[in-house]
Amino acid sequence: MFDDATEPLDRLNLPVESALSRQVFRKIRQWIREGRLKEGDLLPSERELAKVFETSRVPVREALKVLEFMGIAERVAGKGVYLRRISVGNLISNIDFLLMSSAQNLMDLFEARECLEIQAARLAAARRTEIDLSDIKEALEAMEQNLTAAAVPLGVSMDFHAAVIAASHNMVLGELSLYLADWLRLARDQFLELSKVHERGMSDHRAIYEAIRESDGERAAQAMRTHLTRTRTVIEDALKAQLDSREGGAR
C-alpha cells in the first residue's frame, strides 16, 4: 500500500502516534515533492484520503496534524486543509530537531555552522554589492570600536557574520544560518560562559572582510574556515575545562 520510508520520522519530535500515520504522512509528502500537490491546493477530505490509503480516518487525521504542525498545511474552518507555501523558516522553527541536552550537540551545531558560513563567505566575495560591503565594514568597525579590555561583545561579532551571510544573496543559507544562530546562542548559554571575542578573533574578521572586499572567494572561504576552526577550539577547550571542573568537584 505504501512506499518504504527513506527518512525515519522517529528522530523528529513530531506528534505522530502510529506507524500507519507516519506512512500516510510520508505518502502525502511524496505527492508534494512530485508536484502532484502544490501551494494553495485543497487536500482531499479525511474520508477520501482514508479510502485512497485503505485505512481508517484516525491515521489520516494524525498525518494532517503533522503537516499543520510543520507549517506545511493550514486548516480553514468549514473548508478543509490547504497546502501553504513551504519555506525553510517554518520547517526549521517548528521541528525540534536539535535538543539542547548535551555538549556534543553544541559541537555538532558548530560543525554545521562551519559548512554554512564558509560557503557564505565564498559566495559573498563573488556576489556582494557595494551596500553589502558597507554593511560588513560597518559591523567590523563596530567590533573595533568595542575592542576594550581586549574583548568585543559576542553580539557585535554575530552582526558581522550576519552581514557576510546576507552578502551571499542565498535565501536558504540566510534562513538556515538565522535559525542555527538561535540554537547556538541557546546552547552556548546552557554550556558555556563565553560572551566575548578577543583580539585574535578580530584579526580573523579583518581577513574575512578584506578577502570579500577584493572579491577573492577562496581566500574569503579560507579566512572564515580559519576563524571558525579557532572558535571551535576555544569552545572545545572551554567544554573540557568545564567537564574537568565538574569531575574534580565530584571527587
C-alpha atoms as a PDB file:
ATOM      1  CA  MET A   1       0.000   0.000   0.000  1.00  0.00           C
ATOM      2  CA  PHE A   2       2.825   2.412   0.852  1.00  0.00           C
ATOM      3  CA  ASP A   3       6.361   3.022  -0.362  1.00  0.00           C
ATOM      4  CA  ASP A   4       9.200   2.305   2.044  1.00  0.00           C
ATOM      5  CA  ALA A   5      10.186   5.327   4.104  1.00  0.00           C
ATOM      6  CA  THR A   6      13.585   6.807   3.432  1.00  0.00           C
ATOM      7  CA  GLU A   7      13.727   9.231   6.365  1.00  0.00           C
ATOM      8  CA  PRO A   8      12.513   7.872   9.719  1.00  0.00           C
ATOM      9  CA  LEU A   9      10.318  10.428  11.465  1.00  0.00           C
ATOM     10  CA  ASP A  10      11.114   8.790  14.764  1.00  0.00           C
ATOM     11  CA  ARG A  11      14.108  11.141  15.070  1.00  0.00           C
ATOM     12  CA  LEU A  12      11.889  14.199  14.819  1.00  0.00           C
ATOM     13  CA  ASN A  13       9.832  15.303  17.779  1.00  0.00           C
ATOM     14  CA  LEU A  14       6.550  15.227  15.852  1.00  0.00           C
ATOM     15  CA  PRO A  15       3.115  14.359  17.256  1.00  0.00           C
ATOM     16  CA  VAL A  16       2.653  11.203  15.211  1.00  0.00           C
ATOM     17  CA  GLU A  17       1.027   8.439  17.192  1.00  0.00           C
ATOM     18  CA  SER A  18       1.229   5.376  14.959  1.00  0.00           C
ATOM     19  CA  ALA A  19       3.347   3.735  12.282  1.00  0.00           C
ATOM     20  CA  LEU A  20       0.387   3.915   9.908  1.00  0.00           C
ATOM     21  CA  SER A  21       0.035   7.673  10.310  1.00  0.00           C
ATOM     22  CA  ARG A  22       3.754   8.009   9.579  1.00  0.00           C
ATOM     23  CA  GLN A  23       3.218   6.155   6.324  1.00  0.00           C
ATOM     24  CA  VAL A  24       0.301   8.404   5.386  1.00  0.00           C
ATOM     25  CA  PHE A  25       2.412  11.462   6.157  1.00  0.00           C
ATOM     26  CA  ARG A  26       5.290  10.228   4.002  1.00  0.00           C
ATOM     27  CA  LYS A  27       2.981   9.466   1.095  1.00  0.00           C
ATOM     28  CA  ILE A  28       1.474  12.958   1.168  1.00  0.00           C
ATOM     29  CA  ARG A  29       4.983  14.388   1.408  1.00  0.00           C
ATOM     30  CA  GLN A  30       5.918  12.367  -1.681  1.00  0.00           C
ATOM     31  CA  TRP A  31       2.972  13.854  -3.571  1.00  0.00           C
ATOM     32  CA  ILE A  32       4.204  17.333  -2.654  1.00  0.00           C
ATOM     33  CA  ARG A  33       7.728  16.542  -3.842  1.00  0.00           C
ATOM     34  CA  GLU A  34       6.403  15.160  -7.114  1.00  0.00           C
ATOM     35  CA  GLY A  35       4.314  18.274  -7.702  1.00  0.00           C
ATOM     36  CA  ARG A  36       1.003  16.448  -7.505  1.00  0.00           C
ATOM     37  CA  LEU A  37       0.080  18.779  -4.648  1.00  0.00           C
ATOM     38  CA  LYS A  38       1.006  22.459  -4.824  1.00  0.00           C
ATOM     39  CA  GLU A  39       0.758  25.597  -2.726  1.00  0.00           C
ATOM     40  CA  GLY A  40      -2.872  26.627  -2.303  1.00  0.00           C
ATOM     41  CA  ASP A  41      -4.292  23.209  -3.177  1.00  0.00           C
ATOM     42  CA  LEU A  42      -7.152  21.887  -1.084  1.00  0.00           C
ATOM     43  CA  LEU A  43      -6.247  18.434   0.203  1.00  0.00           C
ATOM     44  CA  PRO A  44      -8.796  15.634  -0.176  1.00  0.00           C
ATOM     45  CA  SER A  45     -11.043  15.158   2.837  1.00  0.00           C
ATOM     46  CA  GLU A  46     -10.112  12.749   5.616  1.00  0.00           C
ATOM     47  CA  ARG A  47     -12.724  10.332   4.294  1.00  0.00           C
ATOM     48  CA  GLU A  48     -11.314  10.487   0.751  1.00  0.00           C
ATOM     49  CA  LEU A  49      -7.727  10.061   1.940  1.00  0.00           C
ATOM     50  CA  ALA A  50      -8.705   7.137   4.142  1.00  0.00           C
ATOM     51  CA  LYS A  51     -10.238   5.476   1.096  1.00  0.00           C
ATOM     52  CA  VAL A  52      -7.114   6.112  -1.003  1.00  0.00           C
ATOM     53  CA  PHE A  53      -4.825   4.732   1.703  1.00  0.00           C
ATOM     54  CA  GLU A  54      -7.186   1.876   2.586  1.00  0.00           C
ATOM     55  CA  THR A  55      -7.147   2.762   6.246  1.00  0.00           C
ATOM     56  CA  SER A  56      -9.336   4.390   8.878  1.00  0.00           C
ATOM     57  CA  ARG A  57      -9.614   8.151   9.280  1.00  0.00           C
ATOM     58  CA  VAL A  58      -7.589   8.178  12.516  1.00  0.00           C
ATOM     59  CA  PRO A  59      -4.077   7.837  10.984  1.00  0.00           C
ATOM     60  CA  VAL A  60      -5.087  10.266   8.223  1.00  0.00           C
ATOM     61  CA  ARG A  61      -6.146  12.810  10.830  1.00  0.00           C
ATOM     62  CA  GLU A  62      -2.838  12.341  12.687  1.00  0.00           C
ATOM     63  CA  ALA A  63      -0.819  12.809   9.484  1.00  0.00           C
ATOM     64  CA  LEU A  64      -2.696  16.011   8.672  1.00  0.00           C
ATOM     65  CA  LYS A  65      -1.948  17.309  12.169  1.00  0.00           C
ATOM     66  CA  VAL A  66       1.760  16.797  11.481  1.00  0.00           C
ATOM     67  CA  LEU A  67       1.501  18.773   8.237  1.00  0.00           C
ATOM     68  CA  GLU A  68      -0.170  21.595  10.162  1.00  0.00           C
ATOM     69  CA  PHE A  69       2.410  21.377  12.949  1.00  0.00           C
ATOM     70  CA  MET A  70       5.234  21.745  10.429  1.00  0.00           C
ATOM     71  CA  GLY A  71       3.599  24.730   8.760  1.00  0.00           C
ATOM     72  CA  ILE A  72       3.109  22.821   5.500  1.00  0.00           C
ATOM     73  CA  ALA A  73      -0.690  22.818   5.689  1.00  0.00           C
ATOM     74  CA  GLU A  74      -3.364  25.015   7.216  1.00  0.00           C
ATOM     75  CA  ARG A  75      -6.864  24.026   8.268  1.00  0.00           C
ATOM     76  CA  VAL A  76      -9.554  26.529   7.289  1.00  0.00           C
ATOM     77  CA  ALA A  77     -12.788  26.185   9.248  1.00  0.00           C
ATOM     78  CA  GLY A  78     -15.652  24.971   7.102  1.00  0.00           C
ATOM     79  CA  LYS A  79     -13.447  24.431   4.051  1.00  0.00           C
ATOM     80  CA  GLY A  80     -10.722  21.891   4.768  1.00  0.00           C
ATOM     81  CA  VAL A  81      -6.930  21.635   4.796  1.00  0.00           C
ATOM     82  CA  TYR A  82      -4.893  23.690   2.322  1.00  0.00           C
ATOM     83  CA  LEU A  83      -1.206  23.470   1.437  1.00  0.00           C
ATOM     84  CA  ARG A  84       0.779  26.517   2.481  1.00  0.00           C
ATOM     85  CA  ARG A  85       3.912  27.965   0.941  1.00  0.00           C
ATOM     86  CA  ILE A  86       6.741  25.774   2.216  1.00  0.00           C
ATOM     87  CA  SER A  87       9.713  27.769   3.495  1.00  0.00           C
ATOM     88  CA  VAL A  88      12.923  26.806   5.233  1.00  0.00           C
ATOM     89  CA  GLY A  89      11.937  29.031   8.124  1.00  0.00           C
ATOM     90  CA  ASN A  90       8.652  27.436   9.072  1.00  0.00           C
ATOM     91  CA  LEU A  91      10.116  23.940   8.763  1.00  0.00           C
ATOM     92  CA  ILE A  92      13.111  24.615  10.974  1.00  0.00           C
ATOM     93  CA  SER A  93      11.293  26.722  13.532  1.00  0.00           C
ATOM     94  CA  ASN A  94       8.606  24.098  14.087  1.00  0.00           C
ATOM     95  CA  ILE A  95      10.734  20.943  14.147  1.00  0.00           C
ATOM     96  CA  ASP A  96      12.560  20.430  17.402  1.00  0.00           C
ATOM     97  CA  PHE A  97      15.292  18.609  15.517  1.00  0.00           C
ATOM     98  CA  LEU A  98      18.120  19.558  17.848  1.00  0.00           C
ATOM     99  CA  LEU A  99      17.600  19.073  21.557  1.00  0.00           C
ATOM    100  CA  MET A 100      19.998  21.081  23.677  1.00  0.00           C
ATOM    101  CA  SER A 101      20.735  18.221  26.043  1.00  0.00           C
ATOM    102  CA  SER A 102      24.444  17.577  25.621  1.00  0.00           C
ATOM    103  CA  ALA A 103      27.732  19.268  24.880  1.00  0.00           C
ATOM    104  CA  GLN A 104      28.041  17.094  21.770  1.00  0.00           C
ATOM    105  CA  ASN A 105      25.010  18.852  20.312  1.00  0.00           C
ATOM    106  CA  LEU A 106      26.841  22.144  20.710  1.00  0.00           C
ATOM    107  CA  MET A 107      29.818  20.844  18.753  1.00  0.00           C
ATOM    108  CA  ASP A 108      27.502  19.430  16.088  1.00  0.00           C
ATOM    109  CA  LEU A 109      25.984  22.889  15.745  1.00  0.00           C
ATOM    110  CA  PHE A 110      29.404  24.448  15.277  1.00  0.00           C
ATOM    111  CA  GLU A 111      30.269  21.917  12.585  1.00  0.00           C
ATOM    112  CA  ALA A 112      27.051  22.795  10.766  1.00  0.00           C
ATOM    113  CA  ARG A 113      27.865  26.467  11.163  1.00  0.00           C
ATOM    114  CA  GLU A 114      31.247  25.913   9.527  1.00  0.00           C
ATOM    115  CA  CYS A 115      29.637  24.287   6.490  1.00  0.00           C
ATOM    116  CA  LEU A 116      27.215  27.175   6.046  1.00  0.00           C
ATOM    117  CA  GLU A 117      29.423  30.156   6.766  1.00  0.00           C
ATOM    118  CA  ILE A 118      32.469  29.027   4.803  1.00  0.00           C
ATOM    119  CA  GLN A 119      30.314  28.746   1.696  1.00  0.00           C
ATOM    120  CA  ALA A 120      28.550  32.008   2.558  1.00  0.00           C
ATOM    121  CA  ALA A 121      31.911  33.813   2.656  1.00  0.00           C
ATOM    122  CA  ARG A 122      32.870  32.345  -0.715  1.00  0.00           C
ATOM    123  CA  LEU A 123      29.565  33.444  -2.263  1.00  0.00           C
ATOM    124  CA  ALA A 124      29.726  36.862  -0.603  1.00  0.00           C
ATOM    125  CA  ALA A 125      33.066  37.554  -2.288  1.00  0.00           C
ATOM    126  CA  ALA A 126      31.504  36.806  -5.667  1.00  0.00           C
ATOM    127  CA  ARG A 127      28.081  38.396  -5.200  1.00  0.00           C
ATOM    128  CA  ARG A 128      28.458  41.246  -2.740  1.00  0.00           C
ATOM    129  CA  THR A 129      27.271  44.700  -3.697  1.00  0.00           C
ATOM    130  CA  GLU A 130      28.767  47.955  -2.504  1.00  0.00           C
ATOM    131  CA  ILE A 131      25.922  48.183   0.010  1.00  0.00           C
ATOM    132  CA  ASP A 132      26.737  44.679   1.278  1.00  0.00           C
ATOM    133  CA  LEU A 133      30.392  45.610   1.613  1.00  0.00           C
ATOM    134  CA  SER A 134      29.444  48.754   3.506  1.00  0.00           C
ATOM    135  CA  ASP A 135      27.309  46.706   5.920  1.00  0.00           C
ATOM    136  CA  ILE A 136      30.149  44.250   6.559  1.00  0.00           C
ATOM    137  CA  LYS A 137      32.609  47.094   7.079  1.00  0.00           C
ATOM    138  CA  GLU A 138      30.214  48.849   9.450  1.00  0.00           C
ATOM    139  CA  ALA A 139      29.907  45.675  11.538  1.00  0.00           C
ATOM    140  CA  LEU A 140      33.695  45.289  11.551  1.00  0.00           C
ATOM    141  CA  GLU A 141      34.171  48.889  12.670  1.00  0.00           C
ATOM    142  CA  ALA A 142      31.620  48.377  15.448  1.00  0.00           C
ATOM    143  CA  MET A 143      33.709  45.443  16.651  1.00  0.00           C
ATOM    144  CA  GLU A 144      36.871  47.524  16.589  1.00  0.00           C
ATOM    145  CA  GLN A 145      35.194  50.360  18.493  1.00  0.00           C
ATOM    146  CA  ASN A 146      34.084  47.896  21.153  1.00  0.00           C
ATOM    147  CA  LEU A 147      37.526  46.371  21.468  1.00  0.00           C
ATOM    148  CA  THR A 148      38.006  47.447  25.067  1.00  0.00           C
ATOM    149  CA  ALA A 149      39.776  45.348  27.656  1.00  0.00           C
ATOM    150  CA  ALA A 150      40.884  43.166  24.722  1.00  0.00           C
ATOM    151  CA  ALA A 151      37.372  41.853  24.109  1.00  0.00           C
ATOM    152  CA  VAL A 152      34.295  42.509  21.944  1.00  0.00           C
ATOM    153  CA  PRO A 153      30.693  41.661  22.939  1.00  0.00           C
ATOM    154  CA  LEU A 154      29.705  38.485  21.128  1.00  0.00           C
ATOM    155  CA  GLY A 155      26.508  40.038  19.778  1.00  0.00           C
ATOM    156  CA  VAL A 156      28.555  42.547  17.783  1.00  0.00           C
ATOM    157  CA  SER A 157      30.528  39.687  16.242  1.00  0.00           C
ATOM    158  CA  MET A 158      27.282  37.968  15.268  1.00  0.00           C
ATOM    159  CA  ASP A 159      26.259  41.134  13.400  1.00  0.00           C
ATOM    160  CA  PHE A 160      29.406  40.801  11.294  1.00  0.00           C
ATOM    161  CA  HIS A 161      28.629  37.191  10.432  1.00  0.00           C
ATOM    162  CA  ALA A 162      25.025  38.076   9.611  1.00  0.00           C
ATOM    163  CA  ALA A 163      26.242  40.767   7.197  1.00  0.00           C
ATOM    164  CA  VAL A 164      28.535  38.273   5.443  1.00  0.00           C
ATOM    165  CA  ILE A 165      25.701  35.768   5.093  1.00  0.00           C
ATOM    166  CA  ALA A 166      23.368  38.462   3.742  1.00  0.00           C
ATOM    167  CA  ALA A 167      26.012  39.330   1.138  1.00  0.00           C
ATOM    168  CA  SER A 168      25.894  35.747  -0.160  1.00  0.00           C
ATOM    169  CA  HIS A 169      22.421  36.522  -1.553  1.00  0.00           C
ATOM    170  CA  ASN A 170      21.328  32.947  -0.907  1.00  0.00           C
ATOM    171  CA  MET A 171      17.925  32.826   0.770  1.00  0.00           C
ATOM    172  CA  VAL A 172      18.288  29.269   2.074  1.00  0.00           C
ATOM    173  CA  LEU A 173      21.707  29.941   3.586  1.00  0.00           C
ATOM    174  CA  GLY A 174      20.243  33.026   5.210  1.00  0.00           C
ATOM    175  CA  GLU A 175      17.282  31.175   6.714  1.00  0.00           C
ATOM    176  CA  LEU A 176      19.371  28.250   7.918  1.00  0.00           C
ATOM    177  CA  SER A 177      22.011  30.498   9.434  1.00  0.00           C
ATOM    178  CA  LEU A 178      19.387  32.591  11.213  1.00  0.00           C
ATOM    179  CA  TYR A 179      17.862  29.619  12.996  1.00  0.00           C
ATOM    180  CA  LEU A 180      21.227  27.983  13.561  1.00  0.00           C
ATOM    181  CA  ALA A 181      22.403  31.160  15.278  1.00  0.00           C
ATOM    182  CA  ASP A 182      19.428  30.961  17.648  1.00  0.00           C
ATOM    183  CA  TRP A 183      20.263  27.352  18.539  1.00  0.00           C
ATOM    184  CA  LEU A 184      23.929  28.226  19.025  1.00  0.00           C
ATOM    185  CA  ARG A 185      23.006  31.065  21.336  1.00  0.00           C
ATOM    186  CA  LEU A 186      20.812  28.774  23.428  1.00  0.00           C
ATOM    187  CA  ALA A 187      23.445  26.047  23.534  1.00  0.00           C
ATOM    188  CA  ARG A 188      26.238  28.455  24.397  1.00  0.00           C
ATOM    189  CA  ASP A 189      24.190  29.951  27.225  1.00  0.00           C
ATOM    190  CA  GLN A 190      23.479  26.470  28.560  1.00  0.00           C
ATOM    191  CA  PHE A 191      27.003  25.073  28.473  1.00  0.00           C
ATOM    192  CA  LEU A 192      29.429  27.978  28.408  1.00  0.00           C
ATOM    193  CA  GLU A 193      30.181  31.341  29.906  1.00  0.00           C
ATOM    194  CA  LEU A 194      31.800  32.673  26.732  1.00  0.00           C
ATOM    195  CA  SER A 195      30.445  36.101  25.885  1.00  0.00           C
ATOM    196  CA  LYS A 196      33.285  37.953  24.175  1.00  0.00           C
ATOM    197  CA  VAL A 197      35.522  37.859  21.126  1.00  0.00           C
ATOM    198  CA  HIS A 198      39.188  38.660  21.697  1.00  0.00           C
ATOM    199  CA  GLU A 199      41.826  40.390  19.568  1.00  0.00           C
ATOM    200  CA  ARG A 200      42.882  37.181  17.854  1.00  0.00           C
ATOM    201  CA  GLY A 201      39.327  36.800  16.569  1.00  0.00           C
ATOM    202  CA  MET A 202      39.358  40.418  15.412  1.00  0.00           C
ATOM    203  CA  SER A 203      42.248  39.731  13.052  1.00  0.00           C
ATOM    204  CA  ASP A 204      40.238  36.843  11.594  1.00  0.00           C
ATOM    205  CA  HIS A 205      37.287  39.134  10.915  1.00  0.00           C
ATOM    206  CA  ARG A 206      39.519  41.699   9.240  1.00  0.00           C
ATOM    207  CA  ALA A 207      40.937  38.993   6.960  1.00  0.00           C
ATOM    208  CA  ILE A 208      37.422  37.863   6.002  1.00  0.00           C
ATOM    209  CA  TYR A 209      36.395  41.431   5.189  1.00  0.00           C
ATOM    210  CA  GLU A 210      39.496  42.126   3.095  1.00  0.00           C
ATOM    211  CA  ALA A 211      39.025  38.954   1.046  1.00  0.00           C
ATOM    212  CA  ILE A 212      35.368  39.780   0.376  1.00  0.00           C
ATOM    213  CA  ARG A 213      36.281  43.375  -0.499  1.00  0.00           C
ATOM    214  CA  GLU A 214      38.787  42.082  -3.047  1.00  0.00           C
ATOM    215  CA  SER A 215      36.253  39.552  -4.402  1.00  0.00           C
ATOM    216  CA  ASP A 216      38.586  36.651  -3.619  1.00  0.00           C
ATOM    217  CA  GLY A 217      36.206  33.790  -2.894  1.00  0.00           C
ATOM    218  CA  GLU A 218      38.750  31.129  -1.989  1.00  0.00           C
ATOM    219  CA  ARG A 219      40.642  33.455   0.338  1.00  0.00           C
ATOM    220  CA  ALA A 220      37.377  34.527   1.970  1.00  0.00           C
ATOM    221  CA  ALA A 221      36.379  30.896   2.489  1.00  0.00           C
ATOM    222  CA  GLN A 222      39.798  30.045   3.938  1.00  0.00           C
ATOM    223  CA  ALA A 223      39.721  33.067   6.250  1.00  0.00           C
ATOM    224  CA  MET A 224      36.279  32.048   7.500  1.00  0.00           C
ATOM    225  CA  ARG A 225      37.463  28.454   7.951  1.00  0.00           C
ATOM    226  CA  THR A 226      40.465  29.627   9.972  1.00  0.00           C
ATOM    227  CA  HIS A 227      38.262  31.807  12.161  1.00  0.00           C
ATOM    228  CA  LEU A 228      35.621  29.150  12.823  1.00  0.00           C
ATOM    229  CA  THR A 229      38.239  26.473  13.483  1.00  0.00           C
ATOM    230  CA  ARG A 230      39.843  28.769  16.041  1.00  0.00           C
ATOM    231  CA  THR A 231      36.448  29.433  17.613  1.00  0.00           C
ATOM    232  CA  ARG A 232      35.646  25.720  17.748  1.00  0.00           C
ATOM    233  CA  THR A 233      38.959  25.057  19.515  1.00  0.00           C
ATOM    234  CA  VAL A 234      38.117  27.689  22.123  1.00  0.00           C
ATOM    235  CA  ILE A 235      34.711  26.080  22.656  1.00  0.00           C
ATOM    236  CA  GLU A 236      36.191  22.588  22.930  1.00  0.00           C
ATOM    237  CA  ASP A 237      38.765  23.781  25.474  1.00  0.00           C
ATOM    238  CA  ALA A 238      36.059  25.530  27.494  1.00  0.00           C
ATOM    239  CA  LEU A 239      33.875  22.430  27.494  1.00  0.00           C
ATOM    240  CA  LYS A 240      36.796  20.238  28.551  1.00  0.00           C
ATOM    241  CA  ALA A 241      37.708  22.623  31.366  1.00  0.00           C
ATOM    242  CA  GLN A 242      34.095  22.679  32.497  1.00  0.00           C
ATOM    243  CA  LEU A 243      33.920  18.883  32.466  1.00  0.00           C
ATOM    244  CA  ASP A 244      37.207  18.564  34.366  1.00  0.00           C
ATOM    245  CA  SER A 245      35.931  21.043  36.944  1.00  0.00           C
ATOM    246  CA  ARG A 246      32.728  19.077  37.468  1.00  0.00           C
ATOM    247  CA  GLU A 247      34.591  15.785  37.775  1.00  0.00           C
ATOM    248  CA  GLY A 248      37.011  17.361  40.239  1.00  0.00           C
ATOM    249  CA  GLY A 249      34.146  18.664  42.342  1.00  0.00           C
ATOM    250  CA  ALA A 250      32.501  15.260  42.376  1.00  0.00           C
ATOM    251  CA  ARG A 251      35.574  13.594  43.848  1.00  0.00           C
END
